N, C-alpha and C. Protein backbone atom coordinates (compact mmCIF):
# COMPACT_ATOMS: atom_id res chain seq x y z
N MET A 1 -42.50 -97.58 -37.72
CA MET A 1 -41.22 -97.99 -37.14
C MET A 1 -40.96 -97.19 -35.88
N LEU A 2 -39.74 -97.28 -35.38
CA LEU A 2 -39.38 -96.65 -34.13
C LEU A 2 -38.86 -95.23 -34.30
N GLY A 3 -38.77 -94.74 -35.50
CA GLY A 3 -38.30 -93.38 -35.71
C GLY A 3 -36.79 -93.23 -35.64
N TRP A 4 -36.06 -94.28 -35.98
CA TRP A 4 -34.60 -94.23 -35.90
C TRP A 4 -34.02 -93.19 -36.84
N ASP A 5 -34.69 -92.96 -37.97
CA ASP A 5 -34.17 -92.00 -38.94
C ASP A 5 -34.27 -90.56 -38.46
N SER A 6 -35.10 -90.31 -37.45
CA SER A 6 -35.26 -88.95 -36.97
C SER A 6 -34.20 -88.56 -35.94
N ILE A 7 -33.37 -89.49 -35.50
CA ILE A 7 -32.35 -89.19 -34.51
C ILE A 7 -31.23 -88.40 -35.17
N GLU A 8 -30.89 -87.27 -34.56
CA GLU A 8 -29.84 -86.43 -35.12
C GLU A 8 -28.47 -86.95 -34.72
N THR A 9 -27.54 -86.85 -35.64
CA THR A 9 -26.16 -87.21 -35.33
C THR A 9 -25.36 -85.94 -35.09
N PRO A 10 -24.38 -86.00 -34.18
CA PRO A 10 -23.58 -84.80 -33.93
C PRO A 10 -22.73 -84.46 -35.14
N THR A 11 -22.58 -83.16 -35.40
CA THR A 11 -21.81 -82.75 -36.57
C THR A 11 -20.63 -81.85 -36.22
N SER A 12 -20.71 -81.08 -35.15
CA SER A 12 -19.59 -80.18 -34.83
C SER A 12 -18.48 -80.94 -34.12
N GLY A 13 -17.27 -80.39 -34.16
CA GLY A 13 -16.09 -81.07 -33.65
C GLY A 13 -16.17 -81.47 -32.19
N VAL A 14 -16.53 -80.55 -31.30
CA VAL A 14 -16.57 -80.85 -29.87
C VAL A 14 -17.69 -81.83 -29.57
N ARG A 15 -18.84 -81.64 -30.19
CA ARG A 15 -19.95 -82.57 -29.96
C ARG A 15 -19.60 -83.98 -30.42
N VAL A 16 -18.89 -84.09 -31.52
CA VAL A 16 -18.48 -85.40 -32.01
C VAL A 16 -17.52 -86.06 -31.03
N LEU A 17 -16.56 -85.30 -30.51
CA LEU A 17 -15.61 -85.88 -29.55
C LEU A 17 -16.30 -86.31 -28.26
N VAL A 18 -17.26 -85.52 -27.79
CA VAL A 18 -18.02 -85.91 -26.60
C VAL A 18 -18.83 -87.17 -26.89
N TYR A 19 -19.45 -87.22 -28.04
CA TYR A 19 -20.24 -88.38 -28.45
C TYR A 19 -19.35 -89.62 -28.52
N ILE A 20 -18.15 -89.48 -29.11
CA ILE A 20 -17.23 -90.61 -29.21
C ILE A 20 -16.75 -91.02 -27.82
N GLY A 21 -16.56 -90.04 -26.92
CA GLY A 21 -16.19 -90.37 -25.55
C GLY A 21 -17.26 -91.19 -24.86
N VAL A 22 -18.53 -90.81 -25.04
CA VAL A 22 -19.63 -91.57 -24.47
C VAL A 22 -19.68 -92.95 -25.09
N LEU A 23 -19.47 -93.03 -26.39
CA LEU A 23 -19.44 -94.32 -27.08
C LEU A 23 -18.34 -95.20 -26.49
N GLY A 24 -17.17 -94.61 -26.20
CA GLY A 24 -16.08 -95.37 -25.60
C GLY A 24 -16.42 -95.87 -24.21
N VAL A 25 -17.08 -95.02 -23.42
CA VAL A 25 -17.48 -95.42 -22.07
C VAL A 25 -18.47 -96.58 -22.13
N VAL A 26 -19.43 -96.52 -23.03
CA VAL A 26 -20.41 -97.61 -23.17
C VAL A 26 -19.70 -98.90 -23.57
N GLY A 27 -18.72 -98.81 -24.48
CA GLY A 27 -17.97 -100.00 -24.87
C GLY A 27 -17.15 -100.56 -23.73
N VAL A 28 -16.52 -99.70 -22.93
CA VAL A 28 -15.74 -100.15 -21.78
C VAL A 28 -16.65 -100.81 -20.75
N LEU A 29 -17.83 -100.24 -20.51
CA LEU A 29 -18.78 -100.86 -19.59
C LEU A 29 -19.17 -102.25 -20.08
N GLY A 30 -19.32 -102.40 -21.39
CA GLY A 30 -19.60 -103.72 -21.95
C GLY A 30 -18.45 -104.69 -21.71
N ASP A 31 -17.22 -104.22 -21.90
CA ASP A 31 -16.05 -105.07 -21.64
C ASP A 31 -15.98 -105.48 -20.17
N LEU A 32 -16.22 -104.52 -19.27
CA LEU A 32 -16.17 -104.82 -17.84
C LEU A 32 -17.26 -105.81 -17.44
N ALA A 33 -18.44 -105.65 -17.99
CA ALA A 33 -19.53 -106.57 -17.65
C ALA A 33 -19.21 -107.99 -18.13
N VAL A 34 -18.66 -108.12 -19.33
CA VAL A 34 -18.31 -109.45 -19.83
C VAL A 34 -17.14 -110.04 -19.03
N ALA A 35 -16.17 -109.20 -18.64
CA ALA A 35 -15.07 -109.68 -17.80
C ALA A 35 -15.61 -110.17 -16.45
N TRP A 36 -16.56 -109.45 -15.89
CA TRP A 36 -17.15 -109.86 -14.62
C TRP A 36 -17.94 -111.16 -14.79
N TRP A 37 -18.63 -111.29 -15.93
CA TRP A 37 -19.34 -112.54 -16.23
C TRP A 37 -18.36 -113.71 -16.31
N ALA A 38 -17.19 -113.48 -16.93
CA ALA A 38 -16.20 -114.55 -17.06
C ALA A 38 -15.67 -114.99 -15.69
N LYS A 39 -15.58 -114.06 -14.74
CA LYS A 39 -15.07 -114.40 -13.40
C LYS A 39 -16.14 -115.01 -12.52
N THR A 40 -17.38 -114.56 -12.64
CA THR A 40 -18.42 -114.99 -11.70
C THR A 40 -19.38 -116.01 -12.30
N GLY A 41 -19.54 -116.00 -13.61
CA GLY A 41 -20.48 -116.92 -14.24
C GLY A 41 -21.92 -116.45 -14.22
N GLY A 42 -22.17 -115.25 -13.70
CA GLY A 42 -23.54 -114.74 -13.68
C GLY A 42 -23.98 -114.31 -15.07
N SER A 43 -25.02 -114.95 -15.58
CA SER A 43 -25.44 -114.69 -16.96
C SER A 43 -25.97 -113.26 -17.15
N LYS A 44 -26.44 -112.62 -16.08
CA LYS A 44 -26.94 -111.26 -16.25
C LYS A 44 -25.80 -110.32 -16.65
N TRP A 45 -24.58 -110.59 -16.22
CA TRP A 45 -23.46 -109.72 -16.60
C TRP A 45 -23.14 -109.84 -18.07
N PHE A 46 -23.29 -111.05 -18.62
CA PHE A 46 -23.09 -111.21 -20.06
C PHE A 46 -24.16 -110.44 -20.82
N ALA A 47 -25.39 -110.49 -20.35
CA ALA A 47 -26.49 -109.77 -20.99
C ALA A 47 -26.23 -108.26 -20.94
N VAL A 48 -25.77 -107.75 -19.80
CA VAL A 48 -25.47 -106.33 -19.68
C VAL A 48 -24.36 -105.95 -20.66
N GLY A 49 -23.31 -106.79 -20.73
CA GLY A 49 -22.22 -106.52 -21.68
C GLY A 49 -22.69 -106.52 -23.12
N ALA A 50 -23.54 -107.47 -23.46
CA ALA A 50 -24.05 -107.54 -24.83
C ALA A 50 -24.89 -106.31 -25.17
N VAL A 51 -25.72 -105.86 -24.24
CA VAL A 51 -26.53 -104.67 -24.46
C VAL A 51 -25.62 -103.45 -24.65
N CYS A 52 -24.58 -103.34 -23.83
CA CYS A 52 -23.64 -102.21 -23.97
C CYS A 52 -22.94 -102.25 -25.32
N TRP A 53 -22.51 -103.43 -25.75
CA TRP A 53 -21.83 -103.54 -27.05
C TRP A 53 -22.76 -103.19 -28.20
N VAL A 54 -23.98 -103.70 -28.15
CA VAL A 54 -24.93 -103.39 -29.22
C VAL A 54 -25.23 -101.88 -29.23
N THR A 55 -25.33 -101.29 -28.05
CA THR A 55 -25.57 -99.85 -27.96
C THR A 55 -24.41 -99.07 -28.56
N SER A 56 -23.18 -99.50 -28.28
CA SER A 56 -22.02 -98.78 -28.83
C SER A 56 -21.96 -98.93 -30.35
N LEU A 57 -22.33 -100.09 -30.87
CA LEU A 57 -22.36 -100.27 -32.32
C LEU A 57 -23.46 -99.42 -32.95
N TRP A 58 -24.60 -99.30 -32.28
CA TRP A 58 -25.68 -98.46 -32.76
C TRP A 58 -25.23 -97.00 -32.79
N MET A 59 -24.53 -96.57 -31.74
CA MET A 59 -24.02 -95.20 -31.70
C MET A 59 -23.02 -94.96 -32.82
N LEU A 60 -22.17 -95.96 -33.10
CA LEU A 60 -21.22 -95.85 -34.22
C LEU A 60 -21.97 -95.71 -35.53
N GLY A 61 -23.02 -96.49 -35.71
CA GLY A 61 -23.82 -96.39 -36.92
C GLY A 61 -24.43 -95.02 -37.10
N LEU A 62 -24.93 -94.44 -36.01
CA LEU A 62 -25.47 -93.08 -36.09
C LEU A 62 -24.39 -92.08 -36.49
N LEU A 63 -23.19 -92.27 -35.95
CA LEU A 63 -22.09 -91.36 -36.28
C LEU A 63 -21.68 -91.50 -37.74
N LEU A 64 -21.77 -92.70 -38.28
CA LEU A 64 -21.38 -92.93 -39.68
C LEU A 64 -22.40 -92.40 -40.67
N ARG A 65 -23.58 -92.01 -40.20
CA ARG A 65 -24.58 -91.43 -41.10
C ARG A 65 -24.13 -90.09 -41.65
N SER A 66 -23.20 -89.44 -40.97
CA SER A 66 -22.68 -88.17 -41.43
C SER A 66 -21.75 -88.41 -42.61
N PRO A 67 -21.93 -87.73 -43.74
CA PRO A 67 -21.13 -88.02 -44.93
C PRO A 67 -19.65 -87.67 -44.77
N GLU A 68 -19.28 -86.77 -43.85
CA GLU A 68 -17.88 -86.40 -43.73
C GLU A 68 -17.10 -87.32 -42.79
N ARG A 69 -17.72 -88.32 -42.22
CA ARG A 69 -17.04 -89.25 -41.32
C ARG A 69 -16.73 -90.54 -42.05
N SER A 70 -15.51 -91.04 -41.87
CA SER A 70 -15.14 -92.32 -42.49
C SER A 70 -15.01 -93.38 -41.41
N LEU A 71 -15.30 -94.61 -41.78
CA LEU A 71 -15.23 -95.73 -40.84
C LEU A 71 -13.82 -95.91 -40.31
N SER A 72 -12.81 -95.80 -41.17
CA SER A 72 -11.44 -96.02 -40.71
C SER A 72 -11.02 -94.95 -39.70
N HIS A 73 -11.36 -93.71 -39.97
CA HIS A 73 -11.02 -92.62 -39.07
C HIS A 73 -11.70 -92.82 -37.71
N LEU A 74 -12.98 -93.10 -37.72
CA LEU A 74 -13.71 -93.28 -36.47
C LEU A 74 -13.25 -94.51 -35.71
N THR A 75 -12.92 -95.58 -36.42
CA THR A 75 -12.46 -96.79 -35.75
C THR A 75 -11.18 -96.55 -34.98
N VAL A 76 -10.23 -95.86 -35.59
CA VAL A 76 -8.98 -95.56 -34.89
C VAL A 76 -9.24 -94.68 -33.68
N LEU A 77 -10.03 -93.65 -33.85
CA LEU A 77 -10.31 -92.72 -32.76
C LEU A 77 -11.04 -93.41 -31.62
N ILE A 78 -12.06 -94.18 -31.92
CA ILE A 78 -12.82 -94.88 -30.88
C ILE A 78 -11.96 -95.93 -30.19
N THR A 79 -11.13 -96.64 -30.94
CA THR A 79 -10.27 -97.65 -30.34
C THR A 79 -9.29 -97.03 -29.36
N VAL A 80 -8.68 -95.91 -29.72
CA VAL A 80 -7.73 -95.26 -28.82
C VAL A 80 -8.44 -94.79 -27.55
N ILE A 81 -9.60 -94.16 -27.70
CA ILE A 81 -10.35 -93.72 -26.52
C ILE A 81 -10.73 -94.92 -25.66
N HIS A 82 -11.16 -95.98 -26.29
CA HIS A 82 -11.55 -97.20 -25.58
C HIS A 82 -10.36 -97.77 -24.80
N VAL A 83 -9.21 -97.86 -25.44
CA VAL A 83 -8.02 -98.40 -24.78
C VAL A 83 -7.60 -97.53 -23.61
N LEU A 84 -7.61 -96.22 -23.79
CA LEU A 84 -7.24 -95.33 -22.69
C LEU A 84 -8.20 -95.46 -21.51
N LEU A 85 -9.47 -95.59 -21.79
CA LEU A 85 -10.44 -95.79 -20.71
C LEU A 85 -10.22 -97.11 -19.99
N VAL A 86 -9.89 -98.17 -20.74
CA VAL A 86 -9.61 -99.46 -20.12
C VAL A 86 -8.37 -99.35 -19.22
N VAL A 87 -7.34 -98.63 -19.67
CA VAL A 87 -6.13 -98.44 -18.86
C VAL A 87 -6.48 -97.72 -17.56
N VAL A 88 -7.29 -96.68 -17.64
CA VAL A 88 -7.66 -95.92 -16.44
C VAL A 88 -8.47 -96.80 -15.48
N VAL A 89 -9.44 -97.52 -16.01
CA VAL A 89 -10.28 -98.37 -15.16
C VAL A 89 -9.46 -99.49 -14.55
N GLU A 90 -8.59 -100.10 -15.36
CA GLU A 90 -7.78 -101.21 -14.87
C GLU A 90 -6.82 -100.73 -13.78
N ASN A 91 -6.25 -99.55 -13.96
CA ASN A 91 -5.36 -99.02 -12.94
C ASN A 91 -6.14 -98.66 -11.67
N ALA A 92 -7.32 -98.09 -11.83
CA ALA A 92 -8.10 -97.67 -10.67
C ALA A 92 -8.60 -98.86 -9.84
N TYR A 93 -9.01 -99.94 -10.49
CA TYR A 93 -9.61 -101.05 -9.77
C TYR A 93 -8.66 -102.22 -9.54
N LEU A 94 -7.68 -102.42 -10.41
CA LEU A 94 -6.77 -103.55 -10.27
C LEU A 94 -5.34 -103.13 -9.94
N ALA A 95 -5.09 -101.83 -9.89
CA ALA A 95 -3.75 -101.28 -9.62
C ALA A 95 -2.71 -101.91 -10.54
N ARG A 96 -3.05 -102.04 -11.81
CA ARG A 96 -2.13 -102.61 -12.80
C ARG A 96 -1.95 -101.62 -13.94
N TRP A 97 -0.70 -101.36 -14.27
CA TRP A 97 -0.38 -100.51 -15.41
C TRP A 97 0.01 -101.39 -16.58
N PRO A 98 -0.19 -100.92 -17.82
CA PRO A 98 0.21 -101.71 -18.99
C PRO A 98 1.73 -101.94 -19.01
N ALA A 99 2.11 -103.04 -19.65
CA ALA A 99 3.53 -103.34 -19.83
C ALA A 99 4.11 -102.40 -20.89
N ARG A 100 5.42 -102.44 -21.07
CA ARG A 100 6.09 -101.53 -22.02
C ARG A 100 5.55 -101.68 -23.44
N HIS A 101 5.40 -102.92 -23.88
CA HIS A 101 4.93 -103.12 -25.26
C HIS A 101 3.48 -102.67 -25.41
N GLU A 102 2.70 -102.74 -24.34
CA GLU A 102 1.33 -102.23 -24.41
C GLU A 102 1.32 -100.70 -24.49
N TRP A 103 2.24 -100.04 -23.76
CA TRP A 103 2.35 -98.59 -23.86
C TRP A 103 2.77 -98.17 -25.26
N LEU A 104 3.63 -98.97 -25.90
CA LEU A 104 4.03 -98.67 -27.27
C LEU A 104 2.81 -98.68 -28.19
N GLY A 105 1.93 -99.65 -28.02
CA GLY A 105 0.71 -99.70 -28.82
C GLY A 105 -0.19 -98.51 -28.57
N ILE A 106 -0.30 -98.10 -27.32
CA ILE A 106 -1.13 -96.94 -26.99
C ILE A 106 -0.55 -95.68 -27.63
N ILE A 107 0.76 -95.53 -27.54
CA ILE A 107 1.41 -94.35 -28.12
C ILE A 107 1.25 -94.32 -29.63
N LEU A 108 1.41 -95.48 -30.28
CA LEU A 108 1.23 -95.54 -31.73
C LEU A 108 -0.22 -95.23 -32.12
N GLY A 109 -1.17 -95.68 -31.31
CA GLY A 109 -2.57 -95.35 -31.56
C GLY A 109 -2.83 -93.87 -31.44
N LEU A 110 -2.26 -93.25 -30.42
CA LEU A 110 -2.41 -91.80 -30.27
C LEU A 110 -1.78 -91.06 -31.44
N LEU A 111 -0.64 -91.54 -31.89
CA LEU A 111 0.01 -90.93 -33.04
C LEU A 111 -0.86 -91.06 -34.29
N ALA A 112 -1.50 -92.22 -34.45
CA ALA A 112 -2.39 -92.41 -35.60
C ALA A 112 -3.55 -91.43 -35.56
N VAL A 113 -4.13 -91.22 -34.39
CA VAL A 113 -5.23 -90.27 -34.26
C VAL A 113 -4.74 -88.86 -34.56
N LEU A 114 -3.57 -88.52 -34.05
CA LEU A 114 -3.00 -87.20 -34.31
C LEU A 114 -2.80 -86.97 -35.80
N LEU A 115 -2.27 -87.97 -36.49
CA LEU A 115 -2.06 -87.84 -37.94
C LEU A 115 -3.38 -87.74 -38.69
N LEU A 116 -4.37 -88.53 -38.28
CA LEU A 116 -5.66 -88.47 -38.95
C LEU A 116 -6.36 -87.14 -38.71
N GLU A 117 -6.21 -86.59 -37.52
CA GLU A 117 -6.90 -85.34 -37.20
C GLU A 117 -6.22 -84.12 -37.84
N THR A 118 -4.90 -84.16 -38.01
CA THR A 118 -4.20 -82.99 -38.52
C THR A 118 -4.00 -83.01 -40.02
N HIS A 119 -4.05 -84.17 -40.65
CA HIS A 119 -3.83 -84.25 -42.09
C HIS A 119 -5.15 -84.04 -42.81
N GLN A 120 -5.19 -83.02 -43.63
CA GLN A 120 -6.40 -82.72 -44.38
C GLN A 120 -6.12 -83.01 -45.85
N ALA A 121 -6.41 -84.22 -46.26
CA ALA A 121 -6.15 -84.61 -47.65
C ALA A 121 -7.17 -83.93 -48.56
N GLU A 122 -6.67 -83.42 -49.63
CA GLU A 122 -7.54 -82.81 -50.64
C GLU A 122 -7.95 -83.90 -51.62
N ASP A 123 -9.19 -84.24 -51.61
CA ASP A 123 -9.68 -85.24 -52.54
C ASP A 123 -9.90 -84.58 -53.89
N PRO A 124 -9.44 -85.23 -54.96
CA PRO A 124 -9.71 -84.65 -56.27
C PRO A 124 -11.21 -84.68 -56.54
N ALA A 125 -11.64 -83.77 -57.37
CA ALA A 125 -13.07 -83.71 -57.71
C ALA A 125 -13.48 -85.02 -58.37
N PRO A 126 -14.62 -85.54 -58.00
CA PRO A 126 -15.05 -86.80 -58.61
C PRO A 126 -15.33 -86.60 -60.09
N GLU A 127 -14.99 -87.63 -60.83
CA GLU A 127 -15.22 -87.57 -62.27
C GLU A 127 -16.70 -87.74 -62.56
N ALA A 128 -17.12 -87.09 -63.62
CA ALA A 128 -18.51 -87.24 -64.04
C ALA A 128 -18.71 -88.66 -64.55
N PRO A 129 -19.85 -89.25 -64.29
CA PRO A 129 -20.08 -90.61 -64.78
C PRO A 129 -20.13 -90.63 -66.30
N ALA A 130 -19.66 -91.72 -66.84
CA ALA A 130 -19.66 -91.88 -68.29
C ALA A 130 -21.10 -91.94 -68.79
N ALA A 131 -21.29 -91.47 -70.00
CA ALA A 131 -22.63 -91.49 -70.59
C ALA A 131 -23.10 -92.94 -70.70
N ALA A 132 -24.34 -93.14 -70.37
CA ALA A 132 -24.90 -94.48 -70.41
C ALA A 132 -25.04 -94.94 -71.86
N VAL A 133 -24.74 -96.18 -72.08
CA VAL A 133 -24.87 -96.76 -73.41
C VAL A 133 -26.31 -97.23 -73.57
N GLN A 134 -26.95 -96.79 -74.65
CA GLN A 134 -28.33 -97.19 -74.91
C GLN A 134 -28.33 -98.47 -75.72
N LEU A 135 -28.95 -99.50 -75.18
CA LEU A 135 -29.09 -100.77 -75.89
C LEU A 135 -30.45 -100.78 -76.59
N PRO A 136 -30.50 -101.43 -77.74
CA PRO A 136 -31.78 -101.49 -78.44
C PRO A 136 -32.81 -102.27 -77.63
N ASP A 137 -34.05 -101.87 -77.76
CA ASP A 137 -35.14 -102.54 -77.05
C ASP A 137 -35.44 -103.85 -77.78
N THR A 138 -35.23 -104.97 -77.10
CA THR A 138 -35.44 -106.29 -77.72
C THR A 138 -36.74 -106.94 -77.25
N SER A 139 -37.52 -106.25 -76.45
CA SER A 139 -38.73 -106.86 -75.92
C SER A 139 -39.83 -107.00 -76.99
N GLN A 140 -39.77 -106.24 -78.08
CA GLN A 140 -40.82 -106.27 -79.11
C GLN A 140 -40.45 -107.16 -80.28
N ARG A 141 -39.27 -107.71 -80.31
CA ARG A 141 -38.84 -108.51 -81.48
C ARG A 141 -39.54 -109.86 -81.51
N THR A 142 -39.76 -110.32 -82.74
CA THR A 142 -40.33 -111.65 -82.92
C THR A 142 -39.27 -112.53 -83.55
N PRO A 143 -39.23 -113.79 -83.19
CA PRO A 143 -38.19 -114.69 -83.74
C PRO A 143 -38.35 -115.02 -85.19
C-alpha cells in the first residue's frame, strides 16, 4: 500500500491547532476554487476545489486517529476556523463584511469552541464487560 498508516498525527495542543489551521486553509481554498468555477465555468477550478476538499477530509481523518479527539469537537473547531478564514478572504477580495445575523453565528461558533476547549468533563470509568454466556456446542449433535 501507500504507507498511510505510518503518517503521524499531531498530538500536542499547539501542533493540533496549527494542523487544524492548515486544514481550514485547504478547505477555504477548495471553497474559493469551486466559487471561481461557478463564476467562470472552467472545469479545472472544480477539479482543484475537489482535490482541496478531499485533502481536507483526509487531514480530518488523520486527526481523528488520535483517541483523545472527538468528531464533534473537531467539527466545531474546524468550522469556526473555516468561517473566520472565509470572512477574512471575502473582506480582502470582495470588500464585503458579514451581515449582523452572520456575525451572530460567528460569535456563537466562537463561544461553542470556547466552551468545548475550557470544559473538561470527567468521564466515568467504563464498566467491565459482562461475562460472556457460554452456549452448548450443537455442532456434534445428531437428530
